[in-house]
């Protein structure tokens, strides 16, 4: 997979809904139900972060849910890429980007949403062919004003900002010309997941899906 192909694929995914749920899953046994609730609420693109021992099993379970596109977040190494692809991930997300990580994703045909926080990082990724990027950590990196400023001289890049994005500020990001969607964890709060409150999570997903870019 070329970087250009990856950028086109991740852009298509980002356009499916205004919010990509960023999921930290401790119990893979709840993953399929969680995915069904989010997809039913209008959020079909799901990012499962590789931050827990249950993450890969959760990806396997979610990959079986109709209508969803499940990706692996927090990819840090080629080993992460291979494990995510084997588990059924259809795309990857990283907090930053290294040549080794980009090489691995291209070799494994895994579309990657690579992270950038500065103009230089965005330019380096664009030079390689990645015109769709993750702006991370969004709020800590200056938030909406910073992303707007980056967009002025680098209009070729479209972003999915994550990190500190919530229902209260998501619309501000989505109003930017260089934002395709946002990533956030608020649509799947841990207490609702633990309680199996799938109706409550579906309601949060519907609220998020109603946000307009």
Protein backbone atom coordinates (compact mmCIF):
# COMPACT_ATOMS: atom_id res chain seq x y z
CA UNK A 1 0.00 0.00 0.00
CA UNK A 2 1.35 3.40 -0.94
CA UNK A 3 1.11 6.37 1.43
CA UNK A 4 -1.23 8.01 -1.06
CA UNK A 5 -3.54 4.98 -0.96
CA UNK A 6 -3.41 5.00 2.84
CA UNK A 7 -4.26 8.70 2.99
CA UNK A 8 -7.22 8.21 0.63
CA UNK A 9 -8.52 5.26 2.64
CA UNK A 10 -8.22 6.99 6.01
CA UNK A 11 -9.86 10.11 4.56
CA UNK A 12 -12.79 7.99 3.40
CA UNK A 13 -13.13 6.50 6.87
CA UNK A 14 -12.94 9.91 8.53
CA UNK A 15 -15.80 11.13 6.35
CA UNK A 16 -18.18 8.37 7.49
CA UNK A 17 -19.04 10.13 10.76
CA UNK A 18 -17.99 13.30 12.59
CA UNK A 19 -16.65 11.36 15.58
CA UNK A 20 -14.37 8.31 15.84
CA UNK A 21 -14.75 6.68 19.26
CA UNK A 22 -11.36 6.17 20.92
CA UNK A 23 -11.80 3.04 23.01
CA UNK A 24 -9.71 1.68 25.89
CA UNK A 25 -11.15 -1.78 26.50
CA UNK A 26 -10.40 -3.84 29.60
CA UNK A 27 -12.87 -6.67 28.98
CA UNK A 28 -12.94 -8.15 25.48
CA UNK A 29 -16.15 -9.94 26.39
CA UNK A 30 -17.98 -6.62 26.16
CA UNK A 31 -16.35 -5.49 22.93
CA UNK A 32 -18.92 -6.80 20.45
CA UNK A 33 -21.85 -5.32 22.38
CA UNK A 34 -20.02 -2.00 22.61
CA UNK A 35 -19.34 -2.00 18.88
CA UNK A 36 -22.97 -2.82 18.10
CA UNK A 37 -24.17 0.08 20.26
CA UNK A 38 -21.79 2.58 18.66
CA UNK A 39 -22.55 1.44 15.12
CA UNK A 40 -26.30 1.55 15.83
CA UNK A 41 -25.84 5.10 17.08
CA UNK A 42 -24.24 6.18 13.82
CA UNK A 43 -20.54 5.88 14.59
CA UNK A 44 -19.22 3.06 12.40
CA UNK A 45 -15.48 3.79 12.60
CA UNK A 46 -13.98 2.55 15.87
CA UNK A 47 -10.46 2.90 17.24
CA UNK A 48 -9.38 0.37 19.87
CA UNK A 49 -6.20 1.54 21.55
CA UNK A 50 -3.50 -1.04 22.21
CA UNK A 51 -3.19 0.03 25.82
CA UNK A 52 -4.66 -3.01 27.55
CA UNK A 53 -4.06 -6.77 27.40
CA UNK A 54 -7.61 -7.17 26.07
CA UNK A 55 -7.17 -4.85 23.08
CA UNK A 56 -6.32 -7.40 20.39
CA UNK A 57 -9.11 -9.76 21.46
CA UNK A 58 -11.47 -6.78 21.47
CA UNK A 59 -10.48 -5.96 17.89
CA UNK A 60 -11.14 -9.58 16.89
CA UNK A 61 -14.60 -9.44 18.43
CA UNK A 62 -15.48 -6.03 16.96
CA UNK A 63 -14.29 -7.04 13.50
CA UNK A 64 -17.23 -9.46 13.37
CA UNK A 65 -19.85 -6.73 13.98
CA UNK A 66 -21.67 -5.81 10.74
CA UNK A 67 -21.42 -2.21 9.60
CA UNK A 68 -18.33 -1.33 11.58
CA UNK A 69 -14.73 -0.54 10.61
CA UNK A 70 -12.39 -1.38 13.46
CA UNK A 71 -8.90 0.03 13.72
CA UNK A 72 -6.03 -0.24 16.17
CA UNK A 73 -4.77 2.84 17.94
CA UNK A 74 -1.53 3.57 19.74
CA UNK A 75 0.54 1.73 17.14
CA UNK A 76 4.13 2.29 18.16
CA UNK A 77 6.17 -0.43 16.45
CA UNK A 78 6.18 -2.81 13.50
CA UNK A 79 5.23 -5.57 15.92
CA UNK A 80 2.11 -3.62 16.87
CA UNK A 81 1.23 -3.25 13.20
CA UNK A 82 1.54 -6.97 12.49
CA UNK A 83 -0.45 -7.92 15.59
CA UNK A 84 -3.21 -5.43 14.80
CA UNK A 85 -3.51 -6.64 11.20
CA UNK A 86 -3.63 -10.28 12.34
CA UNK A 87 -6.40 -9.41 14.81
CA UNK A 88 -8.57 -7.98 12.06
CA UNK A 89 -7.87 -4.26 12.24
CA UNK A 90 -8.70 -2.52 8.96
CA UNK A 91 -6.74 0.64 9.74
CA UNK A 92 -4.22 1.94 12.24
CA UNK A 93 -3.72 5.11 14.26
CA UNK A 94 -0.50 6.32 15.83
CA UNK A 95 0.29 9.19 18.21
CA UNK A 96 3.26 10.13 16.04
CA UNK A 97 5.18 8.59 13.17
CA UNK A 98 8.51 6.89 12.63
CA UNK A 99 9.97 5.53 9.40
CA UNK A 100 9.86 2.01 10.85
CA UNK A 101 6.17 2.33 11.67
CA UNK A 102 5.28 3.81 8.29
CA UNK A 103 7.31 1.13 6.49
CA UNK A 104 5.51 -1.62 8.42
CA UNK A 105 2.04 -0.27 7.69
CA UNK A 106 2.84 0.04 4.00
CA UNK A 107 4.26 -3.50 3.93
CA UNK A 108 1.21 -4.91 5.73
CA UNK A 109 -1.29 -2.94 3.60
CA UNK A 110 -2.69 -1.34 6.75
CA UNK A 111 -3.93 2.22 6.15
CA UNK A 112 -2.46 4.48 8.83
CA UNK A 113 -3.65 7.72 10.36
CA UNK A 114 -0.28 9.03 11.57
CA UNK A 115 -0.02 11.61 14.31
CA UNK A 116 1.45 15.10 13.98
CA UNK A 117 1.48 18.00 16.41
CA UNK A 118 3.57 20.59 14.57
CA UNK A 119 3.87 22.08 11.09
CA UNK A 120 7.20 20.33 10.60
CA UNK A 121 5.74 16.93 11.48
CA UNK A 122 2.76 17.53 9.20
CA UNK A 123 5.07 18.58 6.35
CA UNK A 124 7.30 15.52 6.73
CA UNK A 125 4.29 13.21 6.57
CA UNK A 126 2.88 15.11 3.60
CA UNK A 127 6.23 14.83 1.84
CA UNK A 128 5.98 11.05 2.19
CA UNK A 129 2.43 11.07 0.84
CA UNK A 130 0.27 11.14 3.99
CA UNK A 131 -2.24 13.93 3.43
CA UNK A 132 -4.63 12.62 6.10
CA UNK A 133 -3.23 12.89 9.61
CA UNK A 134 -4.14 12.80 13.28
CA UNK A 135 -3.59 16.07 15.19
CA UNK A 136 -2.44 14.89 18.62
CA UNK A 137 -2.51 15.83 21.43
CA UNK A 138 -4.99 18.38 20.15
CA UNK A 139 -5.79 20.48 23.20
CA UNK A 140 -2.28 20.31 24.66
CA UNK A 141 -0.86 21.36 21.29
CA UNK A 142 -2.88 24.55 21.14
CA UNK A 143 -6.33 23.30 20.24
CA UNK A 144 -8.48 24.90 17.58
CA UNK A 145 -6.29 28.02 17.11
CA UNK A 146 -3.19 25.89 16.51
CA UNK A 147 -4.92 23.61 14.04
CA UNK A 148 -6.40 26.59 12.20
CA UNK A 149 -2.93 28.16 12.01
CA UNK A 150 -1.35 24.97 10.66
CA UNK A 151 -4.06 24.75 8.02
CA UNK A 152 -3.29 28.16 6.55
CA UNK A 153 0.13 27.31 5.05
CA UNK A 154 -0.52 23.55 4.68
CA UNK A 155 -4.05 23.31 3.24
CA UNK A 156 -3.29 19.98 1.56
CA UNK A 157 -3.49 18.12 4.89
CA UNK A 158 -6.75 17.08 6.52
CA UNK A 159 -6.81 16.12 10.19
CA UNK A 160 -8.61 14.07 12.80
CA UNK A 161 -7.83 15.91 16.05
CA UNK A 162 -7.82 13.82 19.23
CA UNK A 163 -6.65 14.35 22.77
CA UNK A 164 -8.84 16.53 24.95
CA UNK A 165 -11.64 16.62 22.40
CA UNK A 166 -15.11 16.38 23.95
CA UNK A 167 -18.73 17.13 23.18
CA UNK A 168 -18.18 20.68 24.42
CA UNK A 169 -15.45 21.55 21.90
CA UNK A 170 -15.95 19.05 19.07
CA UNK A 171 -18.04 21.46 16.98
CA UNK A 172 -15.26 24.05 17.10
CA UNK A 173 -12.81 21.56 15.60
CA UNK A 174 -15.32 20.28 13.05
CA UNK A 175 -15.92 23.84 11.85
CA UNK A 176 -12.31 24.07 10.61
CA UNK A 177 -11.71 23.55 6.91
CA UNK A 178 -8.84 21.14 7.60
CA UNK A 179 -10.77 18.86 9.97
CA UNK A 180 -12.48 15.74 8.63
CA UNK A 181 -13.64 14.34 11.96
CA UNK A 182 -12.60 14.22 15.60
CA UNK A 183 -11.63 11.38 17.90
CA UNK A 184 -12.93 11.14 21.43
CA UNK A 185 -13.58 8.77 24.29
CA UNK A 186 -16.65 10.48 25.75
CA UNK A 187 -19.06 8.37 23.70
CA UNK A 188 -18.07 5.21 25.59
CA UNK A 189 -17.54 6.14 29.25
CA UNK A 190 -16.07 3.40 31.38
CA UNK A 191 -18.98 3.33 33.82
CA UNK A 192 -21.51 2.70 31.07
CA UNK A 193 -19.33 0.02 29.48
CA UNK A 194 -18.83 -1.69 32.84
CA UNK A 195 -22.57 -1.59 33.51
CA UNK A 196 -23.44 -2.86 30.05
CA UNK A 197 -25.53 0.24 29.42
CA UNK A 198 -25.60 -0.22 25.67
CA UNK A 199 -28.72 1.90 25.24
CA UNK A 200 -26.99 4.75 27.02
CA UNK A 201 -23.91 4.41 24.83
CA UNK A 202 -26.05 4.27 21.70
CA UNK A 203 -27.71 7.52 22.81
CA UNK A 204 -24.31 9.17 23.28
CA UNK A 205 -23.27 7.92 19.85
CA UNK A 206 -26.40 9.40 18.25
CA UNK A 207 -25.67 12.73 19.89
CA UNK A 208 -22.10 12.64 18.57
CA UNK A 209 -23.19 11.52 15.10
CA UNK A 210 -25.47 14.56 14.90
CA UNK A 211 -22.48 16.90 15.11
CA UNK A 212 -21.84 18.44 11.74
CA UNK A 213 -18.52 19.25 10.12
